Amino acid sequence: MRHQHRSPEEWLQLLEEQQNSGLTIGQFCHQKLIPIQSFHNAKAKIKRLRKEVDHVKAKAPPEFISIITATKGDEHDASLVLAHGATQLSIPKSTSAKWLSTLIKELNS
């Protein structure tokens, strides 16, 4: 008997169907005429892919913070505005880079 090639979506559907069926994997595969080893291989592959996706998501950088340079009439009143969601922090242009770096490091820890 020739084995049927199934897409990842089809395997996901079959895995979910088996879980909801109340049947053992062996019973389910027998009923659906699926080789048990193929079922186990697909299940392992999907589990491995999910772990890889979760690992990538965990390493994803935090949301970007928009930075806006605001001016009030002339260049001496300029400030840096850090915005994240509904929160805004306005920092005078004269603020030292070292202080700003320390602030960002503390916010990230």
C-alpha atoms as a PDB file:
ATOM      1  CA  MET A   1       0.000   0.000   0.000  1.00  0.00           C
ATOM      2  CA  ARG A   2       1.344   3.429  -0.970  1.00  0.00           C
ATOM      3  CA  HIS A   3       1.561   6.009   1.819  1.00  0.00           C
ATOM      4  CA  GLN A   4      -0.399   9.213   1.452  1.00  0.00           C
ATOM      5  CA  HIS A   5       1.593  12.444   1.730  1.00  0.00           C
ATOM      6  CA  ARG A   6      -0.045  14.846   4.183  1.00  0.00           C
ATOM      7  CA  SER A   7       0.592  18.543   4.663  1.00  0.00           C
ATOM      8  CA  PRO A   8       1.536  19.926   8.100  1.00  0.00           C
ATOM      9  CA  GLU A   9      -1.978  21.385   8.342  1.00  0.00           C
ATOM     10  CA  GLU A  10      -3.488  17.954   7.698  1.00  0.00           C
ATOM     11  CA  TRP A  11      -1.267  16.405  10.369  1.00  0.00           C
ATOM     12  CA  LEU A  12      -2.262  19.110  12.851  1.00  0.00           C
ATOM     13  CA  GLN A  13      -5.903  18.368  12.143  1.00  0.00           C
ATOM     14  CA  LEU A  14      -5.345  14.617  12.549  1.00  0.00           C
ATOM     15  CA  LEU A  15      -3.429  15.103  15.817  1.00  0.00           C
ATOM     16  CA  GLU A  16      -6.230  17.247  17.208  1.00  0.00           C
ATOM     17  CA  GLU A  17      -8.839  14.799  15.967  1.00  0.00           C
ATOM     18  CA  GLN A  18      -7.037  11.918  17.695  1.00  0.00           C
ATOM     19  CA  GLN A  19      -6.777  13.834  20.974  1.00  0.00           C
ATOM     20  CA  ASN A  20     -10.488  14.637  20.909  1.00  0.00           C
ATOM     21  CA  SER A  21     -11.539  11.134  19.809  1.00  0.00           C
ATOM     22  CA  GLY A  22     -10.896   9.351  23.088  1.00  0.00           C
ATOM     23  CA  LEU A  23      -9.099   6.632  21.101  1.00  0.00           C
ATOM     24  CA  THR A  24      -5.536   5.527  21.625  1.00  0.00           C
ATOM     25  CA  ILE A  25      -3.095   6.432  18.868  1.00  0.00           C
ATOM     26  CA  GLY A  26      -3.094   2.800  17.761  1.00  0.00           C
ATOM     27  CA  GLN A  27      -6.900   2.625  17.585  1.00  0.00           C
ATOM     28  CA  PHE A  28      -7.124   5.964  15.790  1.00  0.00           C
ATOM     29  CA  CYS A  29      -4.444   5.050  13.232  1.00  0.00           C
ATOM     30  CA  HIS A  30      -6.068   1.669  12.588  1.00  0.00           C
ATOM     31  CA  GLN A  31      -9.448   3.333  12.049  1.00  0.00           C
ATOM     32  CA  LYS A  32      -7.995   6.007   9.708  1.00  0.00           C
ATOM     33  CA  LEU A  33      -5.599   3.604   7.951  1.00  0.00           C
ATOM     34  CA  ILE A  34      -2.593   5.689   9.007  1.00  0.00           C
ATOM     35  CA  PRO A  35       0.739   3.961   9.682  1.00  0.00           C
ATOM     36  CA  ILE A  36       1.404   4.369  13.412  1.00  0.00           C
ATOM     37  CA  GLN A  37       5.051   5.288  12.829  1.00  0.00           C
ATOM     38  CA  SER A  38       4.016   8.071  10.430  1.00  0.00           C
ATOM     39  CA  PHE A  39       1.646   9.418  13.068  1.00  0.00           C
ATOM     40  CA  HIS A  40       4.373   9.362  15.746  1.00  0.00           C
ATOM     41  CA  ASN A  41       6.890  10.980  13.371  1.00  0.00           C
ATOM     42  CA  ALA A  42       4.455  13.792  12.514  1.00  0.00           C
ATOM     43  CA  LYS A  43       3.602  14.328  16.177  1.00  0.00           C
ATOM     44  CA  ALA A  44       7.297  14.550  17.119  1.00  0.00           C
ATOM     45  CA  LYS A  45       8.065  16.910  14.248  1.00  0.00           C
ATOM     46  CA  ILE A  46       5.213  19.249  15.162  1.00  0.00           C
ATOM     47  CA  LYS A  47       6.245  19.198  18.826  1.00  0.00           C
ATOM     48  CA  ARG A  48       9.838  20.061  17.829  1.00  0.00           C
ATOM     49  CA  LEU A  49       8.657  22.898  15.570  1.00  0.00           C
ATOM     50  CA  ARG A  50       6.484  24.324  18.346  1.00  0.00           C
ATOM     51  CA  LYS A  51       9.463  24.325  20.720  1.00  0.00           C
ATOM     52  CA  GLU A  52      11.584  26.128  18.132  1.00  0.00           C
ATOM     53  CA  VAL A  53       8.864  28.751  17.615  1.00  0.00           C
ATOM     54  CA  ASP A  54       8.500  29.239  21.382  1.00  0.00           C
ATOM     55  CA  HIS A  55      12.289  29.588  21.689  1.00  0.00           C
ATOM     56  CA  VAL A  56      12.369  32.238  18.953  1.00  0.00           C
ATOM     57  CA  LYS A  57       9.463  34.101  20.571  1.00  0.00           C
ATOM     58  CA  ALA A  58      11.258  34.061  23.938  1.00  0.00           C
ATOM     59  CA  LYS A  59      14.356  35.620  22.343  1.00  0.00           C
ATOM     60  CA  ALA A  60      12.394  38.275  20.461  1.00  0.00           C
ATOM     61  CA  PRO A  61      13.445  41.819  21.332  1.00  0.00           C
ATOM     62  CA  PRO A  62      11.063  43.909  23.409  1.00  0.00           C
ATOM     63  CA  GLU A  63       8.725  46.332  21.712  1.00  0.00           C
ATOM     64  CA  PHE A  64      10.324  49.325  20.063  1.00  0.00           C
ATOM     65  CA  ILE A  65      10.169  52.616  21.896  1.00  0.00           C
ATOM     66  CA  SER A  66       9.444  55.586  19.714  1.00  0.00           C
ATOM     67  CA  ILE A  67      11.702  58.576  20.249  1.00  0.00           C
ATOM     68  CA  ILE A  68      10.556  62.037  19.254  1.00  0.00           C
ATOM     69  CA  THR A  69      12.601  65.207  19.336  1.00  0.00           C
ATOM     70  CA  ALA A  70      10.337  68.004  20.481  1.00  0.00           C
ATOM     71  CA  THR A  71      11.088  71.702  20.197  1.00  0.00           C
ATOM     72  CA  LYS A  72       9.398  74.635  21.900  1.00  0.00           C
ATOM     73  CA  GLY A  73      10.113  77.676  19.859  1.00  0.00           C
ATOM     74  CA  ASP A  74      13.890  77.567  19.719  1.00  0.00           C
ATOM     75  CA  GLU A  75      16.657  74.994  19.848  1.00  0.00           C
ATOM     76  CA  HIS A  76      17.541  75.688  23.497  1.00  0.00           C
ATOM     77  CA  ASP A  77      14.170  74.339  24.678  1.00  0.00           C
ATOM     78  CA  ALA A  78      14.464  71.081  22.713  1.00  0.00           C
ATOM     79  CA  SER A  79      13.835  67.847  24.564  1.00  0.00           C
ATOM     80  CA  LEU A  80      13.824  64.154  23.886  1.00  0.00           C
ATOM     81  CA  VAL A  81      10.500  62.379  24.366  1.00  0.00           C
ATOM     82  CA  LEU A  82      10.514  58.640  24.998  1.00  0.00           C
ATOM     83  CA  ALA A  83       7.093  57.117  24.373  1.00  0.00           C
ATOM     84  CA  HIS A  84       5.900  53.591  25.110  1.00  0.00           C
ATOM     85  CA  GLY A  85       2.165  53.016  24.848  1.00  0.00           C
ATOM     86  CA  ALA A  86       0.386  55.745  26.788  1.00  0.00           C
ATOM     87  CA  THR A  87       3.531  56.631  28.787  1.00  0.00           C
ATOM     88  CA  GLN A  88       5.772  59.500  27.749  1.00  0.00           C
ATOM     89  CA  LEU A  89       8.987  60.699  29.331  1.00  0.00           C
ATOM     90  CA  SER A  90      10.317  64.093  28.331  1.00  0.00           C
ATOM     91  CA  ILE A  91      14.053  64.543  28.889  1.00  0.00           C
ATOM     92  CA  PRO A  92      15.826  67.888  28.450  1.00  0.00           C
ATOM     93  CA  LYS A  93      18.302  68.079  25.592  1.00  0.00           C
ATOM     94  CA  SER A  94      21.029  68.942  28.081  1.00  0.00           C
ATOM     95  CA  THR A  95      20.747  65.504  29.775  1.00  0.00           C
ATOM     96  CA  SER A  96      24.052  63.640  29.651  1.00  0.00           C
ATOM     97  CA  ALA A  97      24.342  60.571  27.469  1.00  0.00           C
ATOM     98  CA  LYS A  98      25.754  58.629  30.437  1.00  0.00           C
ATOM     99  CA  TRP A  99      22.676  59.367  32.560  1.00  0.00           C
ATOM    100  CA  LEU A 100      20.371  58.409  29.681  1.00  0.00           C
ATOM    101  CA  SER A 101      22.343  55.186  29.124  1.00  0.00           C
ATOM    102  CA  THR A 102      22.037  54.302  32.821  1.00  0.00           C
ATOM    103  CA  LEU A 103      18.299  54.959  32.714  1.00  0.00           C
ATOM    104  CA  ILE A 104      17.811  52.695  29.691  1.00  0.00           C
ATOM    105  CA  LYS A 105      19.898  49.910  31.265  1.00  0.00           C
ATOM    106  CA  GLU A 106      17.847  50.098  34.459  1.00  0.00           C
ATOM    107  CA  LEU A 107      14.582  50.028  32.521  1.00  0.00           C
ATOM    108  CA  ASN A 108      15.736  46.899  30.670  1.00  0.00           C
ATOM    109  CA  SER A 109      16.754  45.012  33.816  1.00  0.00           C
END
